[in-house]
Amino acid sequence: MKNIYIIFLLASLACTSTSKWENQTAQETSNLTAYQKLVKNHQDSMSVMFTSGANGVIPKNELLNAHALSYFPPNENYRVKAVFNRVTNGKTFKMATTTDRLPEYKSFGTFSFVLNGDSLQLMVYQSLDMPEYLFLPFKDQTCGTESYGAGRYLDFEMKDTLNPIIDFNYCYNPLCAYNKEYSCPIPPAENHLNVRIEAGVKKWH
């Protein structure tokens, strides 16, 4: 994936020599920790998947001018341990989306954690269509400025509730951030954070 990304970037920078670009990339990554490099590799792979058209999300007529996905710098402070508490008799409800679609979710449990000195809590939801996965949509104080206004997402599996880690460096945008034809869940009010999450993907436009 990284090699594909390099080829894509070089093709779009016809006036930049290969050696100059490689030296710049080496300088950018030389001071990264092993964890930061892991996150950066993930970010580069996701960027290639979107901007190459491989996942078919960005409209074809926009691919030619598509730029790389933007991310906050990898920051291990936004990888935090959490405590999971299962919700007893969690309610099933229809989650609002960017269209008139109303998918059904169940309130499954909460992740409680401390981030940069703030005690926070987020609800995770179980989709009735895919009960083996847990869905965590959220909004924070970067939404609408640096990050996508409608919020961002994280996904978990059931096993992740045993010793939960929340890594905001891997949070991603709803697909409707790139293409209005998609219908995307809107984070419920209980998952609106009054802090800045300066990690993960930024807004597309």
C-alpha atoms as a PDB file:
ATOM      1  CA  MET A   1       0.000   0.000   0.000  1.00  0.00           C
ATOM      2  CA  LYS A   2       2.808   2.435   0.849  1.00  0.00           C
ATOM      3  CA  ASN A   3       4.448   1.888  -2.544  1.00  0.00           C
ATOM      4  CA  ILE A   4       1.134   2.623  -4.277  1.00  0.00           C
ATOM      5  CA  TYR A   5       0.814   5.841  -2.295  1.00  0.00           C
ATOM      6  CA  ILE A   6       4.347   6.941  -3.282  1.00  0.00           C
ATOM      7  CA  ILE A   7       3.602   6.332  -6.978  1.00  0.00           C
ATOM      8  CA  PHE A   8       0.314   8.247  -6.716  1.00  0.00           C
ATOM      9  CA  LEU A   9       1.956  11.217  -5.022  1.00  0.00           C
ATOM     10  CA  LEU A  10       4.889  11.384  -7.418  1.00  0.00           C
ATOM     11  CA  ALA A  11       2.545  11.352 -10.413  1.00  0.00           C
ATOM     12  CA  SER A  12       0.741  14.403  -9.034  1.00  0.00           C
ATOM     13  CA  LEU A  13       3.975  16.290  -8.323  1.00  0.00           C
ATOM     14  CA  ALA A  14       5.574  16.314 -11.771  1.00  0.00           C
ATOM     15  CA  CYS A  15       7.908  19.182 -10.908  1.00  0.00           C
ATOM     16  CA  THR A  16       9.285  17.502  -7.777  1.00  0.00           C
ATOM     17  CA  SER A  17      12.150  15.074  -8.125  1.00  0.00           C
ATOM     18  CA  THR A  18      11.895  11.567  -6.646  1.00  0.00           C
ATOM     19  CA  SER A  19      15.022  12.013  -4.539  1.00  0.00           C
ATOM     20  CA  LYS A  20      13.739  15.262  -3.050  1.00  0.00           C
ATOM     21  CA  TRP A  21      10.408  13.690  -2.103  1.00  0.00           C
ATOM     22  CA  GLU A  22      12.053  10.608  -0.589  1.00  0.00           C
ATOM     23  CA  ASN A  23      14.419  12.767   1.484  1.00  0.00           C
ATOM     24  CA  GLN A  24      11.472  14.832   2.736  1.00  0.00           C
ATOM     25  CA  THR A  25       9.523  11.690   3.682  1.00  0.00           C
ATOM     26  CA  ALA A  26      12.542  10.261   5.506  1.00  0.00           C
ATOM     27  CA  GLN A  27      12.914  13.482   7.479  1.00  0.00           C
ATOM     28  CA  GLU A  28       9.214  13.495   8.408  1.00  0.00           C
ATOM     29  CA  THR A  29       9.304   9.926   9.764  1.00  0.00           C
ATOM     30  CA  SER A  30      12.804   9.756  11.224  1.00  0.00           C
ATOM     31  CA  ASN A  31      11.759  11.137  14.610  1.00  0.00           C
ATOM     32  CA  LEU A  32       8.547   9.125  14.929  1.00  0.00           C
ATOM     33  CA  THR A  33       8.200   6.409  17.547  1.00  0.00           C
ATOM     34  CA  ALA A  34       7.331   2.850  16.534  1.00  0.00           C
ATOM     35  CA  TYR A  35       3.715   3.527  17.538  1.00  0.00           C
ATOM     36  CA  GLN A  36       3.552   6.771  15.545  1.00  0.00           C
ATOM     37  CA  LYS A  37       4.947   5.011  12.467  1.00  0.00           C
ATOM     38  CA  LEU A  38       2.270   2.319  12.818  1.00  0.00           C
ATOM     39  CA  VAL A  39      -0.470   4.947  12.892  1.00  0.00           C
ATOM     40  CA  LYS A  40       1.118   6.859  10.001  1.00  0.00           C
ATOM     41  CA  ASN A  41       1.223   3.699   7.873  1.00  0.00           C
ATOM     42  CA  HIS A  42      -2.473   3.165   8.571  1.00  0.00           C
ATOM     43  CA  GLN A  43      -3.233   6.763   7.613  1.00  0.00           C
ATOM     44  CA  ASP A  44      -1.296   6.464   4.340  1.00  0.00           C
ATOM     45  CA  SER A  45      -3.093   3.214   3.474  1.00  0.00           C
ATOM     46  CA  MET A  46      -6.501   4.763   4.128  1.00  0.00           C
ATOM     47  CA  SER A  47      -5.603   7.789   2.040  1.00  0.00           C
ATOM     48  CA  VAL A  48      -4.620   5.583  -0.910  1.00  0.00           C
ATOM     49  CA  MET A  49      -7.802   3.539  -0.585  1.00  0.00           C
ATOM     50  CA  PHE A  50      -9.958   6.651  -0.876  1.00  0.00           C
ATOM     51  CA  THR A  51      -8.036   8.814  -3.338  1.00  0.00           C
ATOM     52  CA  SER A  52      -7.202   5.980  -5.759  1.00  0.00           C
ATOM     53  CA  GLY A  53     -10.892   5.140  -6.047  1.00  0.00           C
ATOM     54  CA  ALA A  54     -10.239   1.621  -4.743  1.00  0.00           C
ATOM     55  CA  ASN A  55     -13.168   1.702  -2.323  1.00  0.00           C
ATOM     56  CA  GLY A  56     -15.469   3.592  -4.688  1.00  0.00           C
ATOM     57  CA  VAL A  57     -16.497   6.202  -2.118  1.00  0.00           C
ATOM     58  CA  ILE A  58     -15.257   9.463  -3.639  1.00  0.00           C
ATOM     59  CA  PRO A  59     -17.322  10.320  -6.750  1.00  0.00           C
ATOM     60  CA  LYS A  60     -15.463   9.441  -9.946  1.00  0.00           C
ATOM     61  CA  ASN A  61     -15.659  12.992 -11.263  1.00  0.00           C
ATOM     62  CA  GLU A  62     -13.788  14.216  -8.162  1.00  0.00           C
ATOM     63  CA  LEU A  63     -10.982  11.647  -8.120  1.00  0.00           C
ATOM     64  CA  LEU A  64      -8.720  13.551 -10.509  1.00  0.00           C
ATOM     65  CA  ASN A  65      -8.480  16.477  -8.104  1.00  0.00           C
ATOM     66  CA  ALA A  66      -8.675  14.436  -4.905  1.00  0.00           C
ATOM     67  CA  HIS A  67      -6.057  15.302  -2.306  1.00  0.00           C
ATOM     68  CA  ALA A  68      -4.668  13.011   0.361  1.00  0.00           C
ATOM     69  CA  LEU A  69      -6.729  12.567   3.510  1.00  0.00           C
ATOM     70  CA  SER A  70      -5.716  14.953   6.289  1.00  0.00           C
ATOM     71  CA  TYR A  71      -4.948  13.723   9.793  1.00  0.00           C
ATOM     72  CA  PHE A  72      -3.935  15.100  13.140  1.00  0.00           C
ATOM     73  CA  PRO A  73      -0.353  14.018  13.930  1.00  0.00           C
ATOM     74  CA  PRO A  74      -0.201  10.584  15.605  1.00  0.00           C
ATOM     75  CA  ASN A  75      -0.324  11.158  19.353  1.00  0.00           C
ATOM     76  CA  GLU A  76      -0.156   8.304  21.850  1.00  0.00           C
ATOM     77  CA  ASN A  77      -1.818  10.499  24.508  1.00  0.00           C
ATOM     78  CA  TYR A  78      -5.054   9.825  22.617  1.00  0.00           C
ATOM     79  CA  ARG A  79      -4.679   6.081  23.112  1.00  0.00           C
ATOM     80  CA  VAL A  80      -6.278   5.526  26.514  1.00  0.00           C
ATOM     81  CA  LYS A  81      -7.340   2.649  28.725  1.00  0.00           C
ATOM     82  CA  ALA A  82     -11.044   2.543  29.519  1.00  0.00           C
ATOM     83  CA  VAL A  83     -13.440   0.803  31.871  1.00  0.00           C
ATOM     84  CA  PHE A  84     -16.411  -0.915  30.242  1.00  0.00           C
ATOM     85  CA  ASN A  85     -19.777  -1.074  31.968  1.00  0.00           C
ATOM     86  CA  ARG A  86     -22.529  -3.090  30.329  1.00  0.00           C
ATOM     87  CA  VAL A  87     -25.920  -1.399  30.197  1.00  0.00           C
ATOM     88  CA  THR A  88     -28.635  -3.549  31.761  1.00  0.00           C
ATOM     89  CA  ASN A  89     -31.659  -3.824  29.503  1.00  0.00           C
ATOM     90  CA  GLY A  90     -30.248  -1.277  27.065  1.00  0.00           C
ATOM     91  CA  LYS A  91     -32.893   0.475  25.030  1.00  0.00           C
ATOM     92  CA  THR A  92     -33.341  -0.195  21.329  1.00  0.00           C
ATOM     93  CA  PHE A  93     -33.879   2.951  19.295  1.00  0.00           C
ATOM     94  CA  LYS A  94     -33.748   4.344  15.781  1.00  0.00           C
ATOM     95  CA  MET A  95     -30.581   6.377  15.308  1.00  0.00           C
ATOM     96  CA  ALA A  96     -30.894   9.552  13.255  1.00  0.00           C
ATOM     97  CA  THR A  97     -28.850   9.717  10.055  1.00  0.00           C
ATOM     98  CA  THR A  98     -27.969  12.275   7.405  1.00  0.00           C
ATOM     99  CA  THR A  99     -30.989  11.036   5.402  1.00  0.00           C
ATOM    100  CA  ASP A 100     -34.428   9.739   6.368  1.00  0.00           C
ATOM    101  CA  ARG A 101     -33.007   6.255   7.038  1.00  0.00           C
ATOM    102  CA  LEU A 102     -33.390   5.177  10.688  1.00  0.00           C
ATOM    103  CA  PRO A 103     -31.238   2.120  11.499  1.00  0.00           C
ATOM    104  CA  GLU A 104     -31.942   0.352  14.786  1.00  0.00           C
ATOM    105  CA  TYR A 105     -29.288   0.239  17.482  1.00  0.00           C
ATOM    106  CA  LYS A 106     -29.211  -0.890  21.079  1.00  0.00           C
ATOM    107  CA  SER A 107     -27.408   0.960  23.875  1.00  0.00           C
ATOM    108  CA  PHE A 108     -24.865  -1.680  24.825  1.00  0.00           C
ATOM    109  CA  GLY A 109     -22.508  -0.176  27.380  1.00  0.00           C
ATOM    110  CA  THR A 110     -20.229   2.712  28.330  1.00  0.00           C
ATOM    111  CA  PHE A 111     -16.517   3.309  28.092  1.00  0.00           C
ATOM    112  CA  SER A 112     -15.261   5.490  30.948  1.00  0.00           C
ATOM    113  CA  PHE A 113     -11.759   6.941  30.639  1.00  0.00           C
ATOM    114  CA  VAL A 114      -9.491   9.844  31.500  1.00  0.00           C
ATOM    115  CA  LEU A 115      -8.096  11.909  28.639  1.00  0.00           C
ATOM    116  CA  ASN A 116      -5.680  14.773  29.248  1.00  0.00           C
ATOM    117  CA  GLY A 117      -6.948  15.041  32.813  1.00  0.00           C
ATOM    118  CA  ASP A 118     -10.655  15.001  31.922  1.00  0.00           C
ATOM    119  CA  SER A 119     -12.942  12.171  33.083  1.00  0.00           C
ATOM    120  CA  LEU A 120     -15.090  11.222  30.092  1.00  0.00           C
ATOM    121  CA  GLN A 121     -17.674   8.646  29.072  1.00  0.00           C
ATOM    122  CA  LEU A 122     -18.937   7.417  25.713  1.00  0.00           C
ATOM    123  CA  MET A 123     -21.762   5.025  24.904  1.00  0.00           C
ATOM    124  CA  VAL A 124     -21.174   2.139  22.510  1.00  0.00           C
ATOM    125  CA  TYR A 125     -24.060   0.800  20.455  1.00  0.00           C
ATOM    126  CA  GLN A 126     -24.921  -2.607  19.067  1.00  0.00           C
ATOM    127  CA  SER A 127     -26.378  -2.718  15.588  1.00  0.00           C
ATOM    128  CA  LEU A 128     -29.324  -5.059  15.209  1.00  0.00           C
ATOM    129  CA  ASP A 129     -28.032  -5.864  11.719  1.00  0.00           C
ATOM    130  CA  MET A 130     -24.475  -6.700  12.861  1.00  0.00           C
ATOM    131  CA  PRO A 131     -24.712  -7.645  16.560  1.00  0.00           C
ATOM    132  CA  GLU A 132     -21.130  -8.946  16.688  1.00  0.00           C
ATOM    133  CA  TYR A 133     -19.765  -5.403  16.307  1.00  0.00           C
ATOM    134  CA  LEU A 134     -19.998  -2.333  18.529  1.00  0.00           C
ATOM    135  CA  PHE A 135     -20.303   1.153  17.117  1.00  0.00           C
ATOM    136  CA  LEU A 136     -19.004   4.319  18.780  1.00  0.00           C
ATOM    137  CA  PRO A 137     -19.993   7.567  17.045  1.00  0.00           C
ATOM    138  CA  PHE A 138     -18.922  10.794  18.756  1.00  0.00           C
ATOM    139  CA  LYS A 139     -18.591  14.540  18.370  1.00  0.00           C
ATOM    140  CA  ASP A 140     -15.965  16.749  19.974  1.00  0.00           C
ATOM    141  CA  GLN A 141     -14.921  20.387  19.999  1.00  0.00           C
ATOM    142  CA  THR A 142     -12.920  20.062  16.766  1.00  0.00           C
ATOM    143  CA  CYS A 143     -16.041  19.131  14.776  1.00  0.00           C
ATOM    144  CA  GLY A 144     -17.019  21.781  12.273  1.00  0.00           C
ATOM    145  CA  THR A 145     -13.568  23.371  12.261  1.00  0.00           C
ATOM    146  CA  GLU A 146     -10.661  20.933  11.960  1.00  0.00           C
ATOM    147  CA  SER A 147     -12.747  17.759  11.767  1.00  0.00           C
ATOM    148  CA  TYR A 148     -16.001  16.768  10.080  1.00  0.00           C
ATOM    149  CA  GLY A 149     -18.948  18.666  11.529  1.00  0.00           C
ATOM    150  CA  ALA A 150     -21.290  15.691  11.949  1.00  0.00           C
ATOM    151  CA  GLY A 151     -18.791  13.705  14.025  1.00  0.00           C
ATOM    152  CA  ARG A 152     -16.453  10.741  13.662  1.00  0.00           C
ATOM    153  CA  TYR A 153     -16.571   6.994  14.355  1.00  0.00           C
ATOM    154  CA  LEU A 154     -14.744   4.151  16.084  1.00  0.00           C
ATOM    155  CA  ASP A 155     -15.563   0.428  15.870  1.00  0.00           C
ATOM    156  CA  PHE A 156     -15.062  -2.397  18.362  1.00  0.00           C
ATOM    157  CA  GLU A 157     -15.593  -6.130  18.638  1.00  0.00           C
ATOM    158  CA  MET A 158     -17.109  -7.861  21.659  1.00  0.00           C
ATOM    159  CA  LYS A 159     -13.686  -9.054  22.818  1.00  0.00           C
ATOM    160  CA  ASP A 160     -12.520  -5.436  23.025  1.00  0.00           C
ATOM    161  CA  THR A 161     -14.765  -4.863  26.052  1.00  0.00           C
ATOM    162  CA  LEU A 162     -12.620  -7.171  28.209  1.00  0.00           C
ATOM    163  CA  ASN A 163      -9.574  -4.881  28.424  1.00  0.00           C
ATOM    164  CA  PRO A 164     -10.748  -1.869  26.437  1.00  0.00           C
ATOM    165  CA  ILE A 165      -8.414   0.581  24.765  1.00  0.00           C
ATOM    166  CA  ILE A 166      -9.806   3.627  22.971  1.00  0.00           C
ATOM    167  CA  ASP A 167      -7.403   4.863  20.314  1.00  0.00           C
ATOM    168  CA  PHE A 168      -8.693   8.087  18.810  1.00  0.00           C
ATOM    169  CA  ASN A 169      -5.798   8.088  16.331  1.00  0.00           C
ATOM    170  CA  TYR A 170      -7.832   5.536  14.378  1.00  0.00           C
ATOM    171  CA  CYS A 171     -11.162   7.364  14.379  1.00  0.00           C
ATOM    172  CA  TYR A 172     -12.575   7.868  10.905  1.00  0.00           C
ATOM    173  CA  ASN A 173     -15.097   9.974   9.040  1.00  0.00           C
ATOM    174  CA  PRO A 174     -18.581   8.846   8.014  1.00  0.00           C
ATOM    175  CA  LEU A 175     -18.641   8.015   4.308  1.00  0.00           C
ATOM    176  CA  CYS A 176     -21.041  10.909   3.725  1.00  0.00           C
ATOM    177  CA  ALA A 177     -18.116  13.226   4.537  1.00  0.00           C
ATOM    178  CA  TYR A 178     -16.781  12.247   1.097  1.00  0.00           C
ATOM    179  CA  ASN A 179     -19.983  11.539  -0.818  1.00  0.00           C
ATOM    180  CA  LYS A 180     -23.459  12.903  -0.054  1.00  0.00           C
ATOM    181  CA  GLU A 181     -25.054   9.807  -1.583  1.00  0.00           C
ATOM    182  CA  TYR A 182     -24.314   7.853   1.603  1.00  0.00           C
ATOM    183  CA  SER A 183     -26.563   7.738   4.654  1.00  0.00           C
ATOM    184  CA  CYS A 184     -24.569   8.044   7.890  1.00  0.00           C
ATOM    185  CA  PRO A 185     -25.580   7.788  11.567  1.00  0.00           C
ATOM    186  CA  ILE A 186     -25.413  11.020  13.552  1.00  0.00           C
ATOM    187  CA  PRO A 187     -23.804  10.718  17.016  1.00  0.00           C
ATOM    188  CA  PRO A 188     -26.472  10.896  19.758  1.00  0.00           C
ATOM    189  CA  ALA A 189     -26.271  13.831  22.179  1.00  0.00           C
ATOM    190  CA  GLU A 190     -24.930  11.586  24.960  1.00  0.00           C
ATOM    191  CA  ASN A 191     -21.757  11.109  22.872  1.00  0.00           C
ATOM    192  CA  HIS A 192     -20.986  14.798  22.410  1.00  0.00           C
ATOM    193  CA  LEU A 193     -17.716  15.594  24.194  1.00  0.00           C
ATOM    194  CA  ASN A 194     -16.913  19.062  25.497  1.00  0.00           C
ATOM    195  CA  VAL A 195     -13.212  18.557  24.816  1.00  0.00           C
ATOM    196  CA  ARG A 196     -11.018  18.631  21.732  1.00  0.00           C
ATOM    197  CA  ILE A 197      -9.982  15.278  20.286  1.00  0.00           C
ATOM    198  CA  GLU A 198      -6.921  16.301  18.271  1.00  0.00           C
ATOM    199  CA  ALA A 199      -6.376  12.855  16.828  1.00  0.00           C
ATOM    200  CA  GLY A 200      -7.520  10.820  13.861  1.00  0.00           C
ATOM    201  CA  VAL A 201      -8.858  12.024  10.533  1.00  0.00           C
ATOM    202  CA  LYS A 202      -9.677  15.632   9.788  1.00  0.00           C
ATOM    203  CA  LYS A 203     -12.449  16.958   7.548  1.00  0.00           C
ATOM    204  CA  TRP A 204     -12.316  16.237   3.824  1.00  0.00           C
ATOM    205  CA  HIS A 205     -13.230  19.702   2.477  1.00  0.00           C
END
